[in-house]
PDB file of N, CA and C in Angstrom:
ATOM      1  N   MET A   1     -22.774 -51.129 -13.839  1.00  0.00           N
ATOM      2  CA  MET A   1     -21.361 -51.226 -13.530  1.00  0.00           C
ATOM      3  C   MET A   1     -20.871 -49.903 -12.940  1.00  0.00           C
ATOM      4  N   VAL A   2     -19.942 -50.033 -12.025  1.00  0.00           N
ATOM      5  CA  VAL A   2     -19.271 -48.871 -11.442  1.00  0.00           C
ATOM      6  C   VAL A   2     -17.826 -48.959 -11.905  1.00  0.00           C
ATOM      7  N   ARG A   3     -17.384 -47.940 -12.632  1.00  0.00           N
ATOM      8  CA  ARG A   3     -16.043 -47.953 -13.210  1.00  0.00           C
ATOM      9  C   ARG A   3     -15.143 -46.948 -12.506  1.00  0.00           C
ATOM     10  N   LEU A   4     -13.929 -47.401 -12.184  1.00  0.00           N
ATOM     11  CA  LEU A   4     -12.914 -46.549 -11.583  1.00  0.00           C
ATOM     12  C   LEU A   4     -11.726 -46.454 -12.524  1.00  0.00           C
ATOM     13  N   ALA A   5     -11.071 -45.311 -12.511  1.00  0.00           N
ATOM     14  CA  ALA A   5      -9.872 -45.128 -13.324  1.00  0.00           C
ATOM     15  C   ALA A   5      -8.931 -44.174 -12.601  1.00  0.00           C
ATOM     16  N   CYS A   6      -7.665 -44.216 -12.988  1.00  0.00           N
ATOM     17  CA  CYS A   6      -6.662 -43.300 -12.448  1.00  0.00           C
ATOM     18  C   CYS A   6      -5.721 -42.914 -13.578  1.00  0.00           C
ATOM     19  N   ASP A   7      -5.631 -41.624 -13.857  1.00  0.00           N
ATOM     20  CA  ASP A   7      -4.732 -41.159 -14.903  1.00  0.00           C
ATOM     21  C   ASP A   7      -3.276 -41.201 -14.461  1.00  0.00           C
ATOM     22  N   GLN A   8      -3.017 -41.208 -13.159  1.00  0.00           N
ATOM     23  CA  GLN A   8      -1.648 -41.209 -12.649  1.00  0.00           C
ATOM     24  C   GLN A   8      -0.975 -42.568 -12.793  1.00  0.00           C
ATOM     25  N   CYS A   9      -1.713 -43.631 -12.483  1.00  0.00           N
ATOM     26  CA  CYS A   9      -1.095 -44.962 -12.522  1.00  0.00           C
ATOM     27  C   CYS A   9      -1.631 -45.835 -13.652  1.00  0.00           C
ATOM     28  N   GLY A  10      -2.688 -45.359 -14.338  1.00  0.00           N
ATOM     29  CA  GLY A  10      -3.245 -46.116 -15.448  1.00  0.00           C
ATOM     30  C   GLY A  10      -4.248 -47.187 -15.049  1.00  0.00           C
ATOM     31  N   ARG A  11      -4.575 -47.239 -13.788  1.00  0.00           N
ATOM     32  CA  ARG A  11      -5.525 -48.262 -13.318  1.00  0.00           C
ATOM     33  C   ARG A  11      -6.913 -48.036 -13.925  1.00  0.00           C
ATOM     34  N   LYS A  12      -7.533 -49.109 -14.343  1.00  0.00           N
ATOM     35  CA  LYS A  12      -8.915 -49.097 -14.812  1.00  0.00           C
ATOM     36  C   LYS A  12      -9.547 -50.395 -14.351  1.00  0.00           C
ATOM     37  N   THR A  13     -10.696 -50.283 -13.690  1.00  0.00           N
ATOM     38  CA  THR A  13     -11.379 -51.460 -13.186  1.00  0.00           C
ATOM     39  C   THR A  13     -12.875 -51.186 -13.106  1.00  0.00           C
ATOM     40  N   GLN A  14     -13.637 -52.233 -12.978  1.00  0.00           N
ATOM     41  CA  GLN A  14     -15.079 -52.061 -12.859  1.00  0.00           C
ATOM     42  C   GLN A  14     -15.646 -53.099 -11.898  1.00  0.00           C
ATOM     43  N   TYR A  15     -16.754 -52.718 -11.265  1.00  0.00           N
ATOM     44  CA  TYR A  15     -17.421 -53.563 -10.292  1.00  0.00           C
ATOM     45  C   TYR A  15     -18.913 -53.570 -10.593  1.00  0.00           C
ATOM     46  N   ARG A  16     -19.544 -54.661 -10.295  1.00  0.00           N
ATOM     47  CA  ARG A  16     -21.005 -54.727 -10.408  1.00  0.00           C
ATOM     48  C   ARG A  16     -21.613 -53.989  -9.216  1.00  0.00           C
ATOM     49  N   ARG A  17     -22.545 -53.121  -9.504  1.00  0.00           N
ATOM     50  CA  ARG A  17     -23.193 -52.313  -8.469  1.00  0.00           C
ATOM     51  C   ARG A  17     -23.811 -53.192  -7.388  1.00  0.00           C
ATOM     52  N   GLU A  18     -24.456 -54.267  -7.792  1.00  0.00           N
ATOM     53  CA  GLU A  18     -25.102 -55.162  -6.841  1.00  0.00           C
ATOM     54  C   GLU A  18     -24.089 -55.771  -5.872  1.00  0.00           C
ATOM     55  N   ARG A  19     -22.922 -56.119  -6.384  1.00  0.00           N
ATOM     56  CA  ARG A  19     -21.876 -56.691  -5.532  1.00  0.00           C
ATOM     57  C   ARG A  19     -21.396 -55.660  -4.514  1.00  0.00           C
ATOM     58  N   LEU A  20     -21.221 -54.429  -4.948  1.00  0.00           N
ATOM     59  CA  LEU A  20     -20.773 -53.380  -4.038  1.00  0.00           C
ATOM     60  C   LEU A  20     -21.793 -53.127  -2.937  1.00  0.00           C
ATOM     61  N   LEU A  21     -23.072 -53.108  -3.304  1.00  0.00           N
ATOM     62  CA  LEU A  21     -24.120 -52.888  -2.307  1.00  0.00           C
ATOM     63  C   LEU A  21     -24.179 -54.028  -1.300  1.00  0.00           C
ATOM     64  N   ALA A  22     -23.922 -55.240  -1.757  1.00  0.00           N
ATOM     65  CA  ALA A  22     -23.945 -56.396  -0.861  1.00  0.00           C
ATOM     66  C   ALA A  22     -22.706 -56.449   0.032  1.00  0.00           C
ATOM     67  N   GLU A  23     -21.584 -56.008  -0.497  1.00  0.00           N
ATOM     68  CA  GLU A  23     -20.320 -56.151   0.212  1.00  0.00           C
ATOM     69  C   GLU A  23     -19.998 -54.977   1.137  1.00  0.00           C
ATOM     70  N   TYR A  24     -20.438 -53.779   0.781  1.00  0.00           N
ATOM     71  CA  TYR A  24     -20.102 -52.582   1.546  1.00  0.00           C
ATOM     72  C   TYR A  24     -21.365 -51.908   2.062  1.00  0.00           C
ATOM     73  N   ASP A  25     -21.202 -51.105   3.079  1.00  0.00           N
ATOM     74  CA  ASP A  25     -22.312 -50.366   3.679  1.00  0.00           C
ATOM     75  C   ASP A  25     -22.953 -49.451   2.629  1.00  0.00           C
ATOM     76  N   PRO A  26     -24.241 -49.601   2.367  1.00  0.00           N
ATOM     77  CA  PRO A  26     -24.891 -48.765   1.351  1.00  0.00           C
ATOM     78  C   PRO A  26     -24.909 -47.288   1.713  1.00  0.00           C
ATOM     79  N   ASP A  27     -24.643 -46.947   2.973  1.00  0.00           N
ATOM     80  CA  ASP A  27     -24.595 -45.549   3.387  1.00  0.00           C
ATOM     81  C   ASP A  27     -23.190 -44.948   3.297  1.00  0.00           C
ATOM     82  N   MET A  28     -22.216 -45.742   2.854  1.00  0.00           N
ATOM     83  CA  MET A  28     -20.853 -45.248   2.714  1.00  0.00           C
ATOM     84  C   MET A  28     -20.834 -44.151   1.645  1.00  0.00           C
ATOM     85  N   THR A  29     -20.061 -43.108   1.900  1.00  0.00           N
ATOM     86  CA  THR A  29     -19.978 -42.031   0.915  1.00  0.00           C
ATOM     87  C   THR A  29     -19.200 -42.491  -0.315  1.00  0.00           C
ATOM     88  N   MET A  30     -19.496 -41.890  -1.439  1.00  0.00           N
ATOM     89  CA  MET A  30     -18.817 -42.280  -2.684  1.00  0.00           C
ATOM     90  C   MET A  30     -17.312 -42.027  -2.621  1.00  0.00           C
ATOM     91  N   PRO A  31     -16.838 -40.900  -2.056  1.00  0.00           N
ATOM     92  CA  PRO A  31     -15.385 -40.726  -1.949  1.00  0.00           C
ATOM     93  C   PRO A  31     -14.722 -41.797  -1.082  1.00  0.00           C
ATOM     94  N   ASP A  32     -15.358 -42.172   0.032  1.00  0.00           N
ATOM     95  CA  ASP A  32     -14.787 -43.217   0.886  1.00  0.00           C
ATOM     96  C   ASP A  32     -14.744 -44.557   0.153  1.00  0.00           C
ATOM     97  N   LEU A  33     -15.806 -44.891  -0.542  1.00  0.00           N
ATOM     98  CA  LEU A  33     -15.848 -46.144  -1.293  1.00  0.00           C
ATOM     99  C   LEU A  33     -14.788 -46.147  -2.392  1.00  0.00           C
ATOM    100  N   ARG A  34     -14.655 -45.034  -3.075  1.00  0.00           N
ATOM    101  CA  ARG A  34     -13.665 -44.921  -4.161  1.00  0.00           C
ATOM    102  C   ARG A  34     -12.269 -45.238  -3.649  1.00  0.00           C
ATOM    103  N   HIS A  35     -11.876 -44.648  -2.540  1.00  0.00           N
ATOM    104  CA  HIS A  35     -10.527 -44.888  -2.016  1.00  0.00           C
ATOM    105  C   HIS A  35     -10.381 -46.288  -1.433  1.00  0.00           C
ATOM    106  N   LEU A  36     -11.431 -46.810  -0.873  1.00  0.00           N
ATOM    107  CA  LEU A  36     -11.389 -48.174  -0.364  1.00  0.00           C
ATOM    108  C   LEU A  36     -11.184 -49.167  -1.504  1.00  0.00           C
ATOM    109  N   LEU A  37     -11.894 -48.982  -2.597  1.00  0.00           N
ATOM    110  CA  LEU A  37     -11.766 -49.869  -3.749  1.00  0.00           C
ATOM    111  C   LEU A  37     -10.428 -49.713  -4.452  1.00  0.00           C
ATOM    112  N   ALA A  38      -9.920 -48.498  -4.483  1.00  0.00           N
ATOM    113  CA  ALA A  38      -8.652 -48.245  -5.191  1.00  0.00           C
ATOM    114  C   ALA A  38      -7.479 -48.943  -4.515  1.00  0.00           C
ATOM    115  N   ARG A  39      -7.501 -48.995  -3.196  1.00  0.00           N
ATOM    116  CA  ARG A  39      -6.383 -49.583  -2.439  1.00  0.00           C
ATOM    117  C   ARG A  39      -5.045 -49.025  -2.918  1.00  0.00           C
ATOM    118  N   CYS A  40      -5.030 -47.730  -3.149  1.00  0.00           N
ATOM    119  CA  CYS A  40      -3.856 -47.079  -3.724  1.00  0.00           C
ATOM    120  C   CYS A  40      -2.795 -46.801  -2.658  1.00  0.00           C
ATOM    121  N   PRO A  41      -1.552 -47.269  -2.875  1.00  0.00           N
ATOM    122  CA  PRO A  41      -0.490 -46.995  -1.897  1.00  0.00           C
ATOM    123  C   PRO A  41      -0.116 -45.514  -1.856  1.00  0.00           C
ATOM    124  N   ARG A  42      -0.482 -44.746  -2.881  1.00  0.00           N
ATOM    125  CA  ARG A  42      -0.169 -43.316  -2.915  1.00  0.00           C
ATOM    126  C   ARG A  42      -1.061 -42.516  -1.970  1.00  0.00           C
ATOM    127  N   ARG A  43      -2.196 -43.063  -1.626  1.00  0.00           N
ATOM    128  CA  ARG A  43      -3.203 -42.299  -0.871  1.00  0.00           C
ATOM    129  C   ARG A  43      -2.646 -41.682   0.394  1.00  0.00           C
ATOM    130  N   ASN A  44      -1.864 -42.412   1.158  1.00  0.00           N
ATOM    131  CA  ASN A  44      -1.332 -41.908   2.423  1.00  0.00           C
ATOM    132  C   ASN A  44       0.171 -41.657   2.384  1.00  0.00           C
ATOM    133  N   ALA A  45       0.757 -41.742   1.205  1.00  0.00           N
ATOM    134  CA  ALA A  45       2.197 -41.531   1.088  1.00  0.00           C
ATOM    135  C   ALA A  45       2.503 -40.029   1.102  1.00  0.00           C
ATOM    136  N   PRO A  46       3.510 -39.621   1.833  1.00  0.00           N
ATOM    137  CA  PRO A  46       3.863 -38.199   1.892  1.00  0.00           C
ATOM    138  C   PRO A  46       4.232 -37.665   0.502  1.00  0.00           C
ATOM    139  N   GLY A  47       3.673 -36.530   0.161  1.00  0.00           N
ATOM    140  CA  GLY A  47       4.003 -35.879  -1.110  1.00  0.00           C
ATOM    141  C   GLY A  47       3.367 -36.517  -2.329  1.00  0.00           C
ATOM    142  N   MET A  48       2.517 -37.496  -2.140  1.00  0.00           N
ATOM    143  CA  MET A  48       1.866 -38.151  -3.270  1.00  0.00           C
ATOM    144  C   MET A  48       0.358 -38.103  -3.070  1.00  0.00           C
ATOM    145  N   SER A  49      -0.364 -38.247  -4.146  1.00  0.00           N
ATOM    146  CA  SER A  49      -1.822 -38.287  -4.037  1.00  0.00           C
ATOM    147  C   SER A  49      -2.373 -39.359  -4.967  1.00  0.00           C
ATOM    148  N   CYS A  50      -3.515 -39.858  -4.597  1.00  0.00           N
ATOM    149  CA  CYS A  50      -4.204 -40.857  -5.401  1.00  0.00           C
ATOM    150  C   CYS A  50      -5.118 -40.124  -6.374  1.00  0.00           C
ATOM    151  N   GLY A  51      -5.111 -40.513  -7.616  1.00  0.00           N
ATOM    152  CA  GLY A  51      -5.922 -39.841  -8.627  1.00  0.00           C
ATOM    153  C   GLY A  51      -7.129 -40.642  -9.071  1.00  0.00           C
ATOM    154  N   VAL A  52      -7.549 -41.627  -8.291  1.00  0.00           N
ATOM    155  CA  VAL A  52      -8.657 -42.478  -8.705  1.00  0.00           C
ATOM    156  C   VAL A  52      -9.955 -41.674  -8.754  1.00  0.00           C
ATOM    157  N   TYR A  53     -10.762 -41.966  -9.756  1.00  0.00           N
ATOM    158  CA  TYR A  53     -12.042 -41.280  -9.924  1.00  0.00           C
ATOM    159  C   TYR A  53     -13.046 -42.233 -10.541  1.00  0.00           C
ATOM    160  N   TYR A  54     -14.324 -41.869 -10.407  1.00  0.00           N
ATOM    161  CA  TYR A  54     -15.398 -42.636 -11.036  1.00  0.00           C
ATOM    162  C   TYR A  54     -15.431 -42.238 -12.509  1.00  0.00           C
ATOM    163  N   ALA A  55     -15.036 -43.147 -13.369  1.00  0.00           N
ATOM    164  CA  ALA A  55     -14.866 -42.837 -14.790  1.00  0.00           C
ATOM    165  C   ALA A  55     -16.156 -42.360 -15.447  1.00  0.00           C
ATOM    166  N   ASP A  56     -17.278 -42.978 -15.150  1.00  0.00           N
ATOM    167  CA  ASP A  56     -18.532 -42.584 -15.785  1.00  0.00           C
ATOM    168  C   ASP A  56     -19.004 -41.222 -15.307  1.00  0.00           C
ATOM    169  N   LEU A  57     -18.754 -40.877 -14.055  1.00  0.00           N
ATOM    170  CA  LEU A  57     -19.152 -39.569 -13.553  1.00  0.00           C
ATOM    171  C   LEU A  57     -18.308 -38.469 -14.186  1.00  0.00           C
ATOM    172  N   MET A  58     -17.033 -38.730 -14.363  1.00  0.00           N
ATOM    173  CA  MET A  58     -16.168 -37.730 -14.990  1.00  0.00           C
ATOM    174  C   MET A  58     -16.537 -37.548 -16.454  1.00  0.00           C
ATOM    175  N   ARG A  59     -16.872 -38.624 -17.119  1.00  0.00           N
ATOM    176  CA  ARG A  59     -17.270 -38.551 -18.528  1.00  0.00           C
ATOM    177  C   ARG A  59     -18.535 -37.702 -18.654  1.00  0.00           C
ATOM    178  N   ARG A  60     -19.490 -37.919 -17.740  1.00  0.00           N
ATOM    179  CA  ARG A  60     -20.738 -37.149 -17.757  1.00  0.00           C
ATOM    180  C   ARG A  60     -20.460 -35.671 -17.443  1.00  0.00           C
ATOM    181  N   ALA A  61     -19.603 -35.412 -16.465  1.00  0.00           N
ATOM    182  CA  ALA A  61     -19.280 -34.029 -16.100  1.00  0.00           C
ATOM    183  C   ALA A  61     -18.611 -33.304 -17.265  1.00  0.00           C
ATOM    184  N   ARG A  62     -17.717 -33.972 -17.962  1.00  0.00           N
ATOM    185  CA  ARG A  62     -17.057 -33.351 -19.116  1.00  0.00           C
ATOM    186  C   ARG A  62     -18.055 -33.086 -20.230  1.00  0.00           C
ATOM    187  N   ALA A  63     -18.988 -33.980 -20.439  1.00  0.00           N
ATOM    188  CA  ALA A  63     -20.008 -33.790 -21.467  1.00  0.00           C
ATOM    189  C   ALA A  63     -20.926 -32.623 -21.097  1.00  0.00           C
ATOM    190  N   ASP A  64     -21.266 -32.506 -19.812  1.00  0.00           N
ATOM    191  CA  ASP A  64     -22.105 -31.394 -19.361  1.00  0.00           C
ATOM    192  C   ASP A  64     -21.378 -30.060 -19.512  1.00  0.00           C
ATOM    193  N   ASP A  65     -20.066 -30.046 -19.278  1.00  0.00           N
ATOM    194  CA  ASP A  65     -19.295 -28.816 -19.430  1.00  0.00           C
ATOM    195  C   ASP A  65     -19.207 -28.380 -20.886  1.00  0.00           C
ATOM    196  N   ALA A  66     -19.259 -29.324 -21.811  1.00  0.00           N
ATOM    197  CA  ALA A  66     -19.131 -29.024 -23.228  1.00  0.00           C
ATOM    198  C   ALA A  66     -20.399 -28.392 -23.798  1.00  0.00           C
ATOM    199  N   THR A  67     -21.527 -28.551 -23.123  1.00  0.00           N
ATOM    200  CA  THR A  67     -22.787 -28.010 -23.645  1.00  0.00           C
ATOM    201  C   THR A  67     -23.052 -26.618 -23.151  1.00  0.00           C
TER     202      THR A  67
END
């Protein structure tokens, strides 16, 4: 599973990896895919930013920082 979350808007969602590989270009960068999946109206709004992130990657990064 690929999990996305946003602390700004509270969004939490997940996708099956196999579905993403079938539906989107496997060479797409992770940041591009993240914003495409988020479909966040804040992304291009002046003075606002989208806070979507890969939840499992952030969890791993925080755990690595703690050690």
